Amino acid sequence: MTTSDRSSNGHSEVICVFGSSQAPEGSVAYEEARLTGSLLAREGYRVCCGGYGGTMEGVCRGAKEAGGATIGVTTAWFSQLSPNRWVDEEIRTDTYVERLCALIDKGAAYLALQGGVGTLTEISLVWSLLQTRSVPPRPLVLLHNPWQGLIDLAGESFILRTGELDLAHVASTPQDAVRLISALLRAGHA
C-alpha cells in the first residue's frame, strides 16, 4: 500500500455505501447521505458507492466537501447515466451483477442508507455472503428507517440460525452509524 492509499487520519479502509438514486438534492435522504459522507471522510475512510445520483451523490459530495476520497462503481448496463461530479475514481463494470460484486469486494464495511429495491438487493446479498462466510466478517450497518423494519420482519418471519440476525446492525443517526462502523472495524469483526 502506498502513502497515497491512506487518508490523513491513517485509515485506508473503504466504506461501501448503498442507497437510492432517486433522492433529489435538498431532500432529507440526500442531506442525510451528505452528512454521512462528511462524517466518514472526517474519520479517514474512503467512500465507495454506486456512483450515480441521489444518496450516492449526496454521500460522495459530503465526503469530498470534508476532504475525503470517493469511488463510484458504475455499469454499462445503465448506459444513459453518468457518474456524479463528486466521484474521484470510477470503476466501470459491464453488468449489474459485476457491479454488485465490485461494490462488495471494495468494502471493508457496508452502510445502507434509505433506498429502494436496489438497496434491498445489496443489503440482502451482503447479509447472505456474511451468513455463509463467503466474505470475511465485515460490518453491515443499516441506517434506521426503513431498515429497522426489515430487521424486525426477519426476526419475526424468517427461518434463521442463531447469530444470523446479529450480522446486520442498525444505527439511529449518521453519527451512530460511523461510530459503530469504527468500533466494529477496530474490534476486527462484524
Foldseek 3Di string as FASTA:
>chain_A
DDPVCWFPLGDNFEEEEEAAQPADPPDPLLQQLLCLLLVCLVNGHEYEYQQFHDSNLSSLNSVVVNVHAYEHEYECVPVVTDGDPSHPYYHYYHDPVVSLVVSLVRHLAYEYGYHDPVSVVSLVVNLVCCVVVVDAFHAAEYEVPPVVVVLVCCVVPNDDDPPSSVNYHYDDGSVRRSVVRVVQVVVVGD
